[in-house]
Amino acid sequence: QAVVSTQSTGDQLLVQVEPRDILDYGVIPELAGRIPIVVTLDSLTQEDLMIIANDKERGVISQLKELLSLNDCDLEFSDDALKAVAELAFCKKTGARALKSIVETTLLDAMFEIPGSDIKHVLISSDTVLENQEPRYTRRDADVE
């Protein structure tokens, strides 16, 4: 029976690192002696990145929603778009830092178009994230029939 591990091979190896390994790696003893405890962190999964991006208080998407709300505009990411952002960030292997650059790049044109316009809602789809398509805008004029 095979055991499925959620950790990558690199993460599994890092758990086994000892102070002697740090010296063998080339860190000078004076510096290695100042590191009393060796701690490893697991790599973030795509699910972790989705949670981080969509965090209510500190997530990059929440921050941009708040920023756009200053212009009376709502920002919405579809579930597929959120998965696409997390997948791109995961592929970059830079952790949660990649989320901000991906989301900001996706919204770059919208951030310049929204202020002073009649746009009240922006919907980001996976096509917007992956294929650089324009977001779906809802304008205030559309309400009047």
C-alpha atoms as a PDB file:
ATOM      1  CA  GLN A   1       0.000   0.000   0.000  1.00  0.00           C
ATOM      2  CA  ALA A   2       1.478   3.321  -1.103  1.00  0.00           C
ATOM      3  CA  VAL A   3       1.559   6.285   1.232  1.00  0.00           C
ATOM      4  CA  VAL A   4       0.683   9.573  -0.427  1.00  0.00           C
ATOM      5  CA  SER A   5       2.668  12.496   0.967  1.00  0.00           C
ATOM      6  CA  THR A   6       1.590  16.112   0.679  1.00  0.00           C
ATOM      7  CA  GLN A   7       5.195  17.281   1.084  1.00  0.00           C
ATOM      8  CA  SER A   8       7.579  17.562  -1.836  1.00  0.00           C
ATOM      9  CA  THR A   9      10.835  15.617  -1.778  1.00  0.00           C
ATOM     10  CA  GLY A  10      12.741  18.828  -1.060  1.00  0.00           C
ATOM     11  CA  ASP A  11      10.538  19.569   1.946  1.00  0.00           C
ATOM     12  CA  GLN A  12      11.054  16.043   3.259  1.00  0.00           C
ATOM     13  CA  LEU A  13      14.830  16.417   2.976  1.00  0.00           C
ATOM     14  CA  LEU A  14      14.897  19.828   4.662  1.00  0.00           C
ATOM     15  CA  VAL A  15      13.225  18.368   7.759  1.00  0.00           C
ATOM     16  CA  GLN A  16      16.315  16.205   8.232  1.00  0.00           C
ATOM     17  CA  VAL A  17      18.833  19.104   8.143  1.00  0.00           C
ATOM     18  CA  GLU A  18      21.155  19.301  11.134  1.00  0.00           C
ATOM     19  CA  PRO A  19      23.607  22.041  12.173  1.00  0.00           C
ATOM     20  CA  ARG A  20      26.495  19.989  10.763  1.00  0.00           C
ATOM     21  CA  ASP A  21      24.825  20.061   7.324  1.00  0.00           C
ATOM     22  CA  ILE A  22      24.859  23.854   7.428  1.00  0.00           C
ATOM     23  CA  LEU A  23      28.634  23.810   8.003  1.00  0.00           C
ATOM     24  CA  ASP A  24      29.111  21.285   5.202  1.00  0.00           C
ATOM     25  CA  TYR A  25      27.084  23.561   2.926  1.00  0.00           C
ATOM     26  CA  GLY A  26      29.684  26.281   3.393  1.00  0.00           C
ATOM     27  CA  VAL A  27      28.376  28.531   6.132  1.00  0.00           C
ATOM     28  CA  ILE A  28      31.282  29.693   8.271  1.00  0.00           C
ATOM     29  CA  PRO A  29      31.329  28.266  11.833  1.00  0.00           C
ATOM     30  CA  GLU A  30      31.086  31.740  13.403  1.00  0.00           C
ATOM     31  CA  LEU A  31      27.755  32.301  11.670  1.00  0.00           C
ATOM     32  CA  ALA A  32      26.493  28.742  12.098  1.00  0.00           C
ATOM     33  CA  GLY A  33      27.181  28.988  15.840  1.00  0.00           C
ATOM     34  CA  ARG A  34      24.750  31.903  16.032  1.00  0.00           C
ATOM     35  CA  ILE A  35      21.943  29.767  14.643  1.00  0.00           C
ATOM     36  CA  PRO A  36      20.815  27.815  17.696  1.00  0.00           C
ATOM     37  CA  ILE A  37      17.775  26.213  16.098  1.00  0.00           C
ATOM     38  CA  VAL A  38      17.238  24.992  12.541  1.00  0.00           C
ATOM     39  CA  VAL A  39      13.614  25.252  11.418  1.00  0.00           C
ATOM     40  CA  THR A  40      12.112  24.304   8.065  1.00  0.00           C
ATOM     41  CA  LEU A  41       8.918  25.482   6.432  1.00  0.00           C
ATOM     42  CA  ASP A  42       6.734  23.454   4.102  1.00  0.00           C
ATOM     43  CA  SER A  43       6.118  24.746   0.603  1.00  0.00           C
ATOM     44  CA  LEU A  44       2.748  26.362  -0.005  1.00  0.00           C
ATOM     45  CA  THR A  45       0.189  24.368  -1.968  1.00  0.00           C
ATOM     46  CA  GLN A  46      -2.222  25.831  -4.516  1.00  0.00           C
ATOM     47  CA  GLU A  47      -4.984  25.601  -1.917  1.00  0.00           C
ATOM     48  CA  ASP A  48      -2.822  27.553   0.556  1.00  0.00           C
ATOM     49  CA  LEU A  49      -2.218  30.238  -2.055  1.00  0.00           C
ATOM     50  CA  MET A  50      -5.951  30.516  -2.772  1.00  0.00           C
ATOM     51  CA  ILE A  51      -6.652  31.011   0.931  1.00  0.00           C
ATOM     52  CA  ILE A  52      -3.881  33.607   1.252  1.00  0.00           C
ATOM     53  CA  ALA A  53      -5.016  35.552  -1.827  1.00  0.00           C
ATOM     54  CA  ASN A  54      -8.623  35.657  -0.668  1.00  0.00           C
ATOM     55  CA  ASP A  55      -7.959  36.351   3.028  1.00  0.00           C
ATOM     56  CA  LYS A  56     -10.608  38.781   4.287  1.00  0.00           C
ATOM     57  CA  GLU A  57      -8.218  41.126   6.116  1.00  0.00           C
ATOM     58  CA  ARG A  58      -4.793  40.873   4.536  1.00  0.00           C
ATOM     59  CA  GLY A  59      -5.303  39.182   1.179  1.00  0.00           C
ATOM     60  CA  VAL A  60      -4.223  41.001  -1.953  1.00  0.00           C
ATOM     61  CA  ILE A  61      -7.690  40.621  -3.490  1.00  0.00           C
ATOM     62  CA  SER A  62      -9.345  42.102  -0.400  1.00  0.00           C
ATOM     63  CA  GLN A  63      -6.935  45.027  -0.486  1.00  0.00           C
ATOM     64  CA  LEU A  64      -7.750  45.738  -4.128  1.00  0.00           C
ATOM     65  CA  LYS A  65     -11.483  45.393  -3.447  1.00  0.00           C
ATOM     66  CA  GLU A  66     -11.094  48.050  -0.766  1.00  0.00           C
ATOM     67  CA  LEU A  67      -9.091  50.266  -3.103  1.00  0.00           C
ATOM     68  CA  LEU A  68     -11.694  50.027  -5.871  1.00  0.00           C
ATOM     69  CA  SER A  69     -14.515  50.616  -3.399  1.00  0.00           C
ATOM     70  CA  LEU A  70     -13.131  54.139  -2.977  1.00  0.00           C
ATOM     71  CA  ASN A  71     -14.361  54.672  -6.571  1.00  0.00           C
ATOM     72  CA  ASP A  72     -17.739  53.013  -5.811  1.00  0.00           C
ATOM     73  CA  CYS A  73     -16.700  49.950  -7.791  1.00  0.00           C
ATOM     74  CA  ASP A  74     -17.017  46.301  -6.758  1.00  0.00           C
ATOM     75  CA  LEU A  75     -14.311  43.797  -7.662  1.00  0.00           C
ATOM     76  CA  GLU A  76     -15.157  40.118  -8.064  1.00  0.00           C
ATOM     77  CA  PHE A  77     -12.915  37.181  -8.867  1.00  0.00           C
ATOM     78  CA  SER A  78     -14.605  34.041 -10.166  1.00  0.00           C
ATOM     79  CA  ASP A  79     -13.599  30.747  -8.560  1.00  0.00           C
ATOM     80  CA  ASP A  80     -11.792  29.787 -11.770  1.00  0.00           C
ATOM     81  CA  ALA A  81      -9.877  33.063 -11.752  1.00  0.00           C
ATOM     82  CA  LEU A  82      -8.809  32.517  -8.154  1.00  0.00           C
ATOM     83  CA  LYS A  83      -7.613  29.016  -9.041  1.00  0.00           C
ATOM     84  CA  ALA A  84      -5.719  30.405 -12.050  1.00  0.00           C
ATOM     85  CA  VAL A  85      -3.982  33.025  -9.889  1.00  0.00           C
ATOM     86  CA  ALA A  86      -2.996  30.362  -7.347  1.00  0.00           C
ATOM     87  CA  GLU A  87      -1.761  28.045 -10.098  1.00  0.00           C
ATOM     88  CA  LEU A  88       0.416  30.753 -11.672  1.00  0.00           C
ATOM     89  CA  ALA A  89       1.824  31.699  -8.265  1.00  0.00           C
ATOM     90  CA  PHE A  90       2.522  28.045  -7.488  1.00  0.00           C
ATOM     91  CA  CYS A  91       4.402  27.627 -10.781  1.00  0.00           C
ATOM     92  CA  LYS A  92       6.599  30.647 -10.026  1.00  0.00           C
ATOM     93  CA  LYS A  93       7.812  28.934  -6.826  1.00  0.00           C
ATOM     94  CA  THR A  94       8.096  32.254  -4.983  1.00  0.00           C
ATOM     95  CA  GLY A  95       5.311  31.626  -2.506  1.00  0.00           C
ATOM     96  CA  ALA A  96       2.693  34.191  -1.617  1.00  0.00           C
ATOM     97  CA  ARG A  97       4.779  37.069  -2.993  1.00  0.00           C
ATOM     98  CA  ALA A  98       3.832  36.007  -6.507  1.00  0.00           C
ATOM     99  CA  LEU A  99       0.130  36.506  -5.760  1.00  0.00           C
ATOM    100  CA  LYS A 100       0.405  40.280  -5.557  1.00  0.00           C
ATOM    101  CA  SER A 101       2.292  40.659  -8.821  1.00  0.00           C
ATOM    102  CA  ILE A 102      -0.084  38.339 -10.689  1.00  0.00           C
ATOM    103  CA  VAL A 103      -3.244  40.044  -9.402  1.00  0.00           C
ATOM    104  CA  GLU A 104      -1.860  43.534  -9.973  1.00  0.00           C
ATOM    105  CA  THR A 105      -0.736  42.651 -13.495  1.00  0.00           C
ATOM    106  CA  THR A 106      -4.192  41.233 -14.200  1.00  0.00           C
ATOM    107  CA  LEU A 107      -5.873  44.422 -12.973  1.00  0.00           C
ATOM    108  CA  LEU A 108      -3.376  46.928 -14.366  1.00  0.00           C
ATOM    109  CA  ASP A 109      -5.599  48.288 -17.154  1.00  0.00           C
ATOM    110  CA  ALA A 110      -8.704  48.264 -14.954  1.00  0.00           C
ATOM    111  CA  MET A 111      -6.937  50.244 -12.232  1.00  0.00           C
ATOM    112  CA  PHE A 112      -6.373  53.076 -14.723  1.00  0.00           C
ATOM    113  CA  GLU A 113      -9.786  52.825 -16.351  1.00  0.00           C
ATOM    114  CA  ILE A 114     -12.015  52.755 -13.255  1.00  0.00           C
ATOM    115  CA  PRO A 115     -11.243  56.093 -11.531  1.00  0.00           C
ATOM    116  CA  GLY A 116     -13.563  58.760 -12.886  1.00  0.00           C
ATOM    117  CA  SER A 117     -15.557  56.318 -15.011  1.00  0.00           C
ATOM    118  CA  ASP A 118     -19.077  54.910 -14.762  1.00  0.00           C
ATOM    119  CA  ILE A 119     -17.845  51.367 -14.008  1.00  0.00           C
ATOM    120  CA  LYS A 120     -19.567  49.940 -10.938  1.00  0.00           C
ATOM    121  CA  HIS A 121     -18.513  46.268 -11.087  1.00  0.00           C
ATOM    122  CA  VAL A 122     -15.492  44.366 -12.404  1.00  0.00           C
ATOM    123  CA  LEU A 123     -15.598  40.596 -12.886  1.00  0.00           C
ATOM    124  CA  ILE A 124     -12.280  38.812 -13.311  1.00  0.00           C
ATOM    125  CA  SER A 125     -12.481  35.416 -15.009  1.00  0.00           C
ATOM    126  CA  SER A 126      -9.833  32.784 -15.607  1.00  0.00           C
ATOM    127  CA  ASP A 127      -9.518  34.066 -19.187  1.00  0.00           C
ATOM    128  CA  THR A 128      -8.601  37.481 -17.792  1.00  0.00           C
ATOM    129  CA  VAL A 129      -5.834  35.932 -15.688  1.00  0.00           C
ATOM    130  CA  LEU A 130      -4.495  33.345 -18.129  1.00  0.00           C
ATOM    131  CA  GLU A 131      -5.128  34.885 -21.559  1.00  0.00           C
ATOM    132  CA  ASN A 132      -4.935  38.589 -20.703  1.00  0.00           C
ATOM    133  CA  GLN A 133      -8.518  39.181 -21.838  1.00  0.00           C
ATOM    134  CA  GLU A 134     -10.322  42.301 -20.686  1.00  0.00           C
ATOM    135  CA  PRO A 135     -12.348  41.955 -17.470  1.00  0.00           C
ATOM    136  CA  ARG A 136     -16.145  42.113 -17.673  1.00  0.00           C
ATOM    137  CA  TYR A 137     -17.250  45.608 -16.688  1.00  0.00           C
ATOM    138  CA  THR A 138     -20.728  46.583 -15.535  1.00  0.00           C
ATOM    139  CA  ARG A 139     -21.488  50.252 -16.003  1.00  0.00           C
ATOM    140  CA  ARG A 140     -23.933  52.422 -14.121  1.00  0.00           C
ATOM    141  CA  ASP A 141     -25.656  53.391 -17.410  1.00  0.00           C
ATOM    142  CA  ALA A 142     -26.655  49.730 -17.895  1.00  0.00           C
ATOM    143  CA  ASP A 143     -29.076  50.013 -14.944  1.00  0.00           C
ATOM    144  CA  VAL A 144     -31.254  52.593 -16.732  1.00  0.00           C
ATOM    145  CA  GLU A 145     -33.584  51.086 -19.320  1.00  0.00           C
END
